[in-house]
N, C-alpha and C. Protein backbone atom coordinates (compact mmCIF):
# COMPACT_ATOMS: atom_id res chain seq x y z
N UNK A 1 25.41 -6.19 1.89
CA UNK A 1 24.46 -5.22 1.36
C UNK A 1 23.04 -5.76 1.55
N UNK A 2 22.16 -4.89 2.03
CA UNK A 2 20.76 -5.28 2.23
C UNK A 2 19.96 -5.04 0.96
N UNK A 3 19.00 -5.92 0.73
CA UNK A 3 18.08 -5.76 -0.40
C UNK A 3 16.95 -4.85 0.04
N UNK A 4 16.51 -3.98 -0.85
CA UNK A 4 15.39 -3.09 -0.53
C UNK A 4 14.39 -3.11 -1.68
N UNK A 5 13.17 -2.79 -1.34
CA UNK A 5 12.11 -2.72 -2.35
C UNK A 5 11.27 -1.49 -2.03
N UNK A 6 10.78 -0.84 -3.07
CA UNK A 6 9.97 0.36 -2.90
C UNK A 6 8.59 0.11 -3.49
N UNK A 7 7.56 0.45 -2.72
CA UNK A 7 6.18 0.29 -3.16
C UNK A 7 5.54 1.65 -3.38
N UNK A 8 4.75 1.75 -4.42
CA UNK A 8 3.89 2.92 -4.59
C UNK A 8 2.73 2.74 -3.63
N UNK A 9 2.33 3.77 -2.96
CA UNK A 9 1.30 3.65 -1.94
C UNK A 9 -0.09 3.45 -2.53
N UNK A 10 -0.60 4.44 -3.23
CA UNK A 10 -1.99 4.44 -3.65
C UNK A 10 -2.25 3.44 -4.77
N UNK A 11 -3.12 2.48 -4.47
CA UNK A 11 -3.47 1.46 -5.44
C UNK A 11 -2.59 0.24 -5.37
N UNK A 12 -1.48 0.31 -4.63
CA UNK A 12 -0.59 -0.83 -4.48
C UNK A 12 -0.65 -1.34 -3.05
N UNK A 13 -0.31 -0.49 -2.10
CA UNK A 13 -0.35 -0.88 -0.69
C UNK A 13 -1.76 -0.70 -0.13
N UNK A 14 -2.36 0.43 -0.41
CA UNK A 14 -3.71 0.70 0.08
C UNK A 14 -4.68 0.89 -1.09
N UNK A 15 -5.94 0.71 -0.76
CA UNK A 15 -6.98 0.88 -1.78
C UNK A 15 -7.24 2.37 -2.00
N UNK A 16 -7.52 2.73 -3.24
CA UNK A 16 -7.91 4.11 -3.53
C UNK A 16 -9.38 4.30 -3.15
N UNK A 17 -9.77 5.55 -3.00
CA UNK A 17 -11.12 5.91 -2.58
C UNK A 17 -11.83 6.60 -3.73
N UNK A 18 -13.06 6.16 -4.03
CA UNK A 18 -13.82 6.81 -5.09
C UNK A 18 -14.50 8.05 -4.54
N UNK A 19 -14.25 9.18 -5.18
CA UNK A 19 -14.85 10.47 -4.79
C UNK A 19 -16.00 10.78 -5.73
N UNK A 20 -17.23 10.67 -5.21
CA UNK A 20 -18.41 10.91 -6.05
C UNK A 20 -18.43 12.32 -6.61
N UNK A 21 -18.07 13.30 -5.79
CA UNK A 21 -18.10 14.70 -6.25
C UNK A 21 -17.11 14.94 -7.39
N UNK A 22 -15.99 14.24 -7.36
CA UNK A 22 -14.98 14.39 -8.40
C UNK A 22 -15.14 13.37 -9.53
N UNK A 23 -15.94 12.34 -9.24
CA UNK A 23 -16.18 11.25 -10.18
C UNK A 23 -14.86 10.57 -10.59
N UNK A 24 -14.00 10.35 -9.58
CA UNK A 24 -12.74 9.65 -9.87
C UNK A 24 -12.17 9.04 -8.58
N UNK A 25 -11.22 8.13 -8.77
CA UNK A 25 -10.52 7.48 -7.67
C UNK A 25 -9.36 8.35 -7.23
N UNK A 26 -9.17 8.48 -5.90
CA UNK A 26 -8.08 9.29 -5.36
C UNK A 26 -7.44 8.57 -4.17
N UNK A 27 -6.37 9.17 -3.69
CA UNK A 27 -5.72 8.68 -2.47
C UNK A 27 -6.63 8.95 -1.27
N UNK A 28 -6.49 8.17 -0.21
CA UNK A 28 -7.25 8.46 1.01
C UNK A 28 -6.86 9.84 1.54
N UNK A 29 -7.84 10.57 2.04
CA UNK A 29 -7.59 11.89 2.60
C UNK A 29 -7.59 11.86 4.12
N UNK A 30 -8.18 10.83 4.70
CA UNK A 30 -8.26 10.69 6.15
C UNK A 30 -7.77 9.30 6.54
N UNK A 31 -7.24 9.18 7.74
CA UNK A 31 -6.75 7.87 8.21
C UNK A 31 -7.87 6.83 8.20
N UNK A 32 -9.10 7.27 8.43
CA UNK A 32 -10.23 6.33 8.46
C UNK A 32 -10.52 5.75 7.07
N UNK A 33 -10.00 6.38 6.03
CA UNK A 33 -10.22 5.89 4.66
C UNK A 33 -9.15 4.89 4.21
N UNK A 34 -8.08 4.78 4.98
CA UNK A 34 -6.97 3.90 4.58
C UNK A 34 -7.37 2.44 4.80
N UNK A 35 -7.31 1.67 3.73
CA UNK A 35 -7.60 0.24 3.77
C UNK A 35 -6.44 -0.48 3.09
N UNK A 36 -5.67 -1.24 3.89
CA UNK A 36 -4.52 -1.96 3.35
C UNK A 36 -5.01 -3.21 2.63
N UNK A 37 -4.46 -3.45 1.46
CA UNK A 37 -4.83 -4.64 0.69
C UNK A 37 -4.26 -5.89 1.36
N UNK A 38 -5.06 -6.96 1.42
CA UNK A 38 -4.63 -8.21 2.05
C UNK A 38 -3.41 -8.81 1.36
N UNK A 39 -3.40 -8.76 0.05
CA UNK A 39 -2.27 -9.32 -0.70
C UNK A 39 -0.98 -8.57 -0.38
N UNK A 40 -1.07 -7.28 -0.13
CA UNK A 40 0.10 -6.48 0.20
C UNK A 40 0.74 -6.99 1.49
N UNK A 41 -0.06 -7.26 2.50
CA UNK A 41 0.47 -7.76 3.76
C UNK A 41 1.18 -9.09 3.57
N UNK A 42 0.61 -9.94 2.75
CA UNK A 42 1.22 -11.24 2.46
C UNK A 42 2.59 -11.06 1.79
N UNK A 43 2.65 -10.19 0.80
CA UNK A 43 3.90 -9.95 0.08
C UNK A 43 4.96 -9.34 1.00
N UNK A 44 4.56 -8.39 1.83
CA UNK A 44 5.50 -7.77 2.77
C UNK A 44 6.09 -8.81 3.72
N UNK A 45 5.25 -9.67 4.24
CA UNK A 45 5.74 -10.72 5.14
C UNK A 45 6.69 -11.68 4.43
N UNK A 46 6.38 -12.02 3.19
CA UNK A 46 7.27 -12.90 2.42
C UNK A 46 8.62 -12.23 2.17
N UNK A 47 8.61 -10.93 1.88
CA UNK A 47 9.86 -10.21 1.65
C UNK A 47 10.68 -10.06 2.93
N UNK A 48 10.01 -9.88 4.06
CA UNK A 48 10.73 -9.83 5.34
C UNK A 48 11.45 -11.15 5.60
N UNK A 49 10.79 -12.26 5.28
CA UNK A 49 11.41 -13.57 5.46
C UNK A 49 12.65 -13.74 4.58
N UNK A 50 12.70 -12.99 3.47
CA UNK A 50 13.83 -13.05 2.55
C UNK A 50 14.85 -11.95 2.83
N UNK A 51 14.73 -11.33 4.03
CA UNK A 51 15.68 -10.31 4.51
C UNK A 51 15.70 -9.01 3.73
N UNK A 52 14.56 -8.61 3.16
CA UNK A 52 14.48 -7.30 2.54
C UNK A 52 14.40 -6.25 3.64
N UNK A 53 14.91 -5.06 3.35
CA UNK A 53 14.95 -3.96 4.31
C UNK A 53 13.66 -3.15 4.23
N UNK A 54 13.07 -2.84 5.37
CA UNK A 54 11.85 -2.04 5.45
C UNK A 54 12.04 -0.90 6.43
N UNK A 55 11.51 0.26 6.10
CA UNK A 55 11.49 1.40 7.01
C UNK A 55 10.09 1.61 7.52
């Protein structure tokens, strides 16, 4: 049996975007707004080394 892990995207894998017009943080709306957190990449690589399943 393979081990799997599920990540929430917004605020966990990628940074949220502050919308001035809405005065709140939201998910990225465009690919150019997506910024992956450095710590997330480190954790993903560590989990791959431990044979976790990724799609």
